[in-house]
Amino acid sequence: MAVDLAQAQLDERVRAAGAQGRMRLHGEMYRQAFRLVWAQADQAGEMTELERARFLLRRLYPDLEGPRLESIMRRLSDEFAAGTWTGLTRPPLREKAMPGASSGECRTRETAEAVTDPGRSPAGGRAADPSSRG
């Protein structure tokens, strides 16, 4: 297999950055991913809040599908109907560095945990290890 020189150089820079630098890079990449999928949603046109949530989730978490995605969507639909969830929060175009802050968070804590933590089941608790899926 051919070695990708650019990837090898990036890997070396990441290793040389140390733990704090890698954590900062992870946070920046996480926030950039939210900004990119929101831009894609904007380009896709008008959507309801539930359509937008599905659109964003499928792009942020491509392995999230089937019963698990439908369970999350049912929960969001129920919360939307009850008025306890009003949609996802759009990330700012530019944000100040805030340790632990993430963009695109849901407006209810339980749903935020289910949506933004791919290892968390929608009903609470931890889901099966996503790397063990076939």
Protein backbone atom coordinates (compact mmCIF):
# COMPACT_ATOMS: atom_id res chain seq x y z
CA MET A 1 0.00 0.00 0.00
CA ALA A 2 1.36 3.42 -0.94
CA VAL A 3 2.13 5.78 1.91
CA ASP A 4 0.26 9.08 1.82
CA LEU A 5 3.02 11.61 2.51
CA ALA A 6 0.57 14.34 3.57
CA GLN A 7 -1.12 11.96 6.04
CA ALA A 8 2.26 10.85 7.41
CA GLN A 9 3.29 14.49 7.92
CA LEU A 10 0.00 15.31 9.63
CA ASP A 11 0.32 12.27 11.89
CA GLU A 12 3.83 13.35 12.89
CA ARG A 13 2.67 16.92 13.68
CA VAL A 14 -0.22 15.58 15.76
CA ARG A 15 2.10 13.26 17.72
CA ALA A 16 4.55 16.12 18.29
CA ALA A 17 1.77 18.42 19.57
CA GLY A 18 1.47 16.57 22.89
CA ALA A 19 -1.69 15.77 24.80
CA GLN A 20 -2.92 19.36 25.20
CA GLY A 21 -2.35 20.12 21.51
CA ARG A 22 -4.20 16.96 20.47
CA MET A 23 -7.11 17.81 22.75
CA ARG A 24 -7.27 21.31 21.28
CA LEU A 25 -7.12 19.90 17.72
CA HIS A 26 -9.90 17.42 18.55
CA GLY A 27 -12.10 20.25 19.85
CA GLU A 28 -11.44 22.37 16.78
CA MET A 29 -12.20 19.50 14.41
CA TYR A 30 -15.38 18.66 16.37
CA ARG A 31 -16.64 22.24 16.10
CA GLN A 32 -15.67 22.42 12.41
CA ALA A 33 -17.67 19.25 11.71
CA PHE A 34 -20.79 20.91 13.18
CA ARG A 35 -20.23 24.05 11.13
CA LEU A 36 -19.78 22.01 7.94
CA VAL A 37 -22.95 19.94 8.34
CA TRP A 38 -24.96 23.05 9.19
CA ALA A 39 -23.67 24.65 5.97
CA GLN A 40 -24.78 21.51 4.10
CA ALA A 41 -28.21 21.75 5.71
CA ASP A 42 -28.47 25.39 4.65
CA GLN A 43 -27.58 24.44 1.07
CA ALA A 44 -30.17 21.63 1.10
CA GLY A 45 -32.98 24.17 1.55
CA GLU A 46 -35.99 24.52 3.84
CA MET A 47 -36.57 21.76 6.41
CA THR A 48 -38.65 21.25 9.49
CA GLU A 49 -36.72 21.03 12.77
CA LEU A 50 -37.14 17.25 12.77
CA GLU A 51 -35.96 16.93 9.16
CA ARG A 52 -32.96 19.10 10.01
CA ALA A 53 -32.15 16.95 13.05
CA ARG A 54 -32.21 13.78 10.93
CA PHE A 55 -30.12 15.46 8.21
CA LEU A 56 -27.48 16.60 10.70
CA LEU A 57 -27.38 13.35 12.66
CA ARG A 58 -26.93 11.22 9.54
CA ARG A 59 -23.97 13.34 8.46
CA LEU A 60 -22.32 13.66 11.85
CA TYR A 61 -22.82 10.00 12.74
CA PRO A 62 -22.96 7.94 9.52
CA ASP A 63 -23.18 4.67 11.48
CA LEU A 64 -26.28 5.90 13.31
CA GLU A 65 -29.10 4.22 11.42
CA GLY A 66 -32.00 1.83 11.69
CA PRO A 67 -33.77 1.32 15.01
CA ARG A 68 -31.36 3.51 16.97
CA LEU A 69 -31.83 6.52 14.68
CA GLU A 70 -35.59 5.96 14.58
CA SER A 71 -35.69 5.79 18.39
CA ILE A 72 -33.89 9.13 18.65
CA MET A 73 -36.17 10.66 16.02
CA ARG A 74 -39.30 9.41 17.85
CA ARG A 75 -38.01 10.93 21.07
CA LEU A 76 -37.25 14.24 19.38
CA SER A 77 -40.69 14.20 17.75
CA ASP A 78 -42.38 13.56 21.10
CA GLU A 79 -40.36 16.31 22.78
CA PHE A 80 -41.06 18.70 19.89
CA ALA A 81 -44.80 18.03 20.18
CA ALA A 82 -44.61 18.58 23.95
CA GLY A 83 -42.69 21.81 23.48
CA THR A 84 -39.67 20.58 25.45
CA TRP A 85 -37.39 20.48 22.38
CA THR A 86 -37.41 23.27 19.84
CA GLY A 87 -34.62 22.16 17.55
CA LEU A 88 -30.86 22.03 17.39
CA THR A 89 -28.81 25.10 18.20
CA ARG A 90 -26.90 26.46 15.25
CA PRO A 91 -23.18 26.81 15.98
CA PRO A 92 -21.73 30.31 15.75
CA LEU A 93 -19.69 31.12 12.65
CA ARG A 94 -16.78 31.95 14.92
CA GLU A 95 -16.65 31.03 18.54
CA LYS A 96 -14.41 31.94 21.41
CA ALA A 97 -12.39 29.10 22.84
CA MET A 98 -14.40 27.63 25.69
CA PRO A 99 -13.04 24.42 27.21
CA GLY A 100 -15.58 21.64 26.97
CA ALA A 101 -18.01 23.66 24.84
CA SER A 102 -19.48 22.06 21.76
CA SER A 103 -21.54 23.52 18.97
CA GLY A 104 -24.81 22.12 17.70
CA GLU A 105 -26.04 21.06 21.11
CA CYS A 106 -29.66 20.12 21.59
CA ARG A 107 -31.88 22.26 23.75
CA THR A 108 -32.68 19.53 26.25
CA ARG A 109 -29.97 17.80 28.26
CA GLU A 110 -31.19 14.21 27.89
CA THR A 111 -31.54 14.51 24.13
CA ALA A 112 -28.18 16.26 23.89
CA GLU A 113 -26.55 13.31 25.61
CA ALA A 114 -28.30 10.82 23.34
CA VAL A 115 -27.54 12.79 20.17
CA THR A 116 -24.02 14.08 20.76
CA ASP A 117 -22.56 10.97 22.44
CA PRO A 118 -22.60 8.14 19.92
CA GLY A 119 -21.87 5.64 22.71
CA ARG A 120 -24.94 6.63 24.70
CA SER A 121 -28.25 4.93 24.13
CA PRO A 122 -31.31 7.17 23.67
CA ALA A 123 -32.88 5.64 26.79
CA GLY A 124 -29.87 6.56 28.90
CA GLY A 125 -26.84 4.57 29.92
CA ARG A 126 -24.14 3.38 27.58
CA ALA A 127 -24.84 1.64 24.30
CA ALA A 128 -22.85 -1.26 22.95
CA ASP A 129 -19.36 -0.36 21.77
CA PRO A 130 -19.85 1.17 18.28
CA SER A 131 -16.56 -0.35 17.10
CA SER A 132 -17.97 -3.82 17.70
CA ARG A 133 -20.73 -3.33 15.12
CA GLY A 134 -20.39 -5.41 11.97
